[in-house]
Amino acid sequence: MTTLVHIRVPVETKAKASKIFSKLGLDLSTGIKIYLAKVVEDKGIPFSMKTREGILRGFKIAHDQIEKGDYVSHKELKAQIAKKARSFK
């Protein structure tokens, strides 16, 4: 069963999104359906929503941690992620 959803978006946004979806071999409707399915799958917005200030604050924190040597190597990070992933099984 399906339902009809009406939304209003700026003309330019619709045109740009349609062009991007077209390059991916999708129409606008399919692109929106994929987005909504991802929202349901993730139980939230499927991307980070931060203000520019929030992003800059994150960069500052990361920079300060690097300056203090408070970080792990890529190899160690991969090992931590793998360990965490195994704990979910």
Protein backbone atom coordinates (compact mmCIF):
# COMPACT_ATOMS: atom_id res chain seq x y z
CA MET A 1 0.00 0.00 0.00
CA THR A 2 1.26 3.50 -0.75
CA THR A 3 0.24 7.01 0.21
CA LEU A 4 0.62 10.36 -1.49
CA VAL A 5 2.87 13.02 0.07
CA HIS A 6 2.75 16.64 -1.07
CA ILE A 7 5.70 18.88 -0.18
CA ARG A 8 6.70 22.39 -1.14
CA VAL A 9 10.34 23.04 -1.94
CA PRO A 10 12.10 25.93 -3.63
CA VAL A 11 12.11 25.58 -7.43
CA GLU A 12 15.91 25.72 -7.55
CA THR A 13 16.25 22.98 -4.91
CA LYS A 14 13.91 20.69 -6.84
CA ALA A 15 15.76 21.33 -10.10
CA LYS A 16 19.21 20.70 -8.59
CA ALA A 17 18.06 17.56 -6.76
CA SER A 18 16.36 16.25 -9.91
CA LYS A 19 19.57 16.78 -11.88
CA ILE A 20 21.65 14.90 -9.30
CA PHE A 21 19.16 12.04 -9.10
CA SER A 22 19.06 11.87 -12.90
CA LYS A 23 22.85 11.45 -13.01
CA LEU A 24 22.34 8.51 -10.63
CA GLY A 25 19.68 7.03 -12.91
CA LEU A 26 16.84 7.96 -10.55
CA ASP A 27 13.83 10.21 -10.79
CA LEU A 28 12.99 12.69 -8.02
CA SER A 29 10.27 10.48 -6.54
CA THR A 30 12.61 7.50 -6.23
CA GLY A 31 15.33 9.67 -4.68
CA ILE A 32 12.90 10.94 -2.05
CA LYS A 33 11.67 7.37 -1.37
CA ILE A 34 15.28 6.27 -0.83
CA TYR A 35 15.83 9.17 1.59
CA LEU A 36 12.67 8.30 3.57
CA ALA A 37 13.63 4.61 3.70
CA LYS A 38 17.05 5.61 5.08
CA VAL A 39 15.39 7.81 7.74
CA VAL A 40 13.34 4.80 8.84
CA GLU A 41 16.37 2.47 8.76
CA ASP A 42 18.53 4.89 10.78
CA LYS A 43 15.63 5.94 13.03
CA GLY A 44 16.69 9.54 12.38
CA ILE A 45 18.12 11.93 9.83
CA PRO A 46 20.80 9.98 7.90
CA PHE A 47 23.40 12.73 8.07
CA SER A 48 24.86 15.07 10.65
CA MET A 49 22.99 18.31 11.14
CA LYS A 50 25.39 20.88 12.51
CA THR A 51 25.73 24.58 12.21
CA ARG A 52 28.92 25.99 10.75
CA GLU A 53 29.91 27.00 14.27
CA GLY A 54 29.39 23.43 15.48
CA ILE A 55 31.63 22.07 12.75
CA LEU A 56 34.32 24.65 13.48
CA ARG A 57 34.11 23.81 17.19
CA GLY A 58 34.65 20.14 16.29
CA PHE A 59 37.70 21.04 14.20
CA LYS A 60 39.09 23.07 17.11
CA ILE A 61 38.62 20.17 19.53
CA ALA A 62 40.28 17.75 17.08
CA HIS A 63 43.17 20.18 16.50
CA ASP A 64 43.70 20.61 20.25
CA GLN A 65 43.69 16.82 20.76
CA ILE A 66 46.29 16.36 18.01
CA GLU A 67 48.46 19.11 19.51
CA LYS A 68 48.34 17.30 22.90
CA GLY A 69 49.03 13.92 21.32
CA ASP A 70 45.60 12.72 22.44
CA TYR A 71 44.74 10.49 19.48
CA VAL A 72 45.20 6.95 18.15
CA SER A 73 46.76 5.70 14.94
CA HIS A 74 44.64 4.61 11.99
CA LYS A 75 45.64 0.99 12.66
CA GLU A 76 44.59 1.25 16.31
CA LEU A 77 41.31 2.95 15.36
CA LYS A 78 40.48 0.12 12.93
CA ALA A 79 41.19 -2.42 15.69
CA GLN A 80 38.90 -0.55 18.11
CA ILE A 81 36.11 -0.42 15.51
CA ALA A 82 36.48 -4.14 14.73
CA LYS A 83 36.36 -4.98 18.45
CA LYS A 84 33.23 -2.86 18.91
CA ALA A 85 31.59 -4.46 15.85
CA ARG A 86 32.27 -7.95 17.24
CA SER A 87 30.56 -6.98 20.51
CA PHE A 88 27.29 -6.33 18.62
CA LYS A 89 27.08 -9.92 17.33
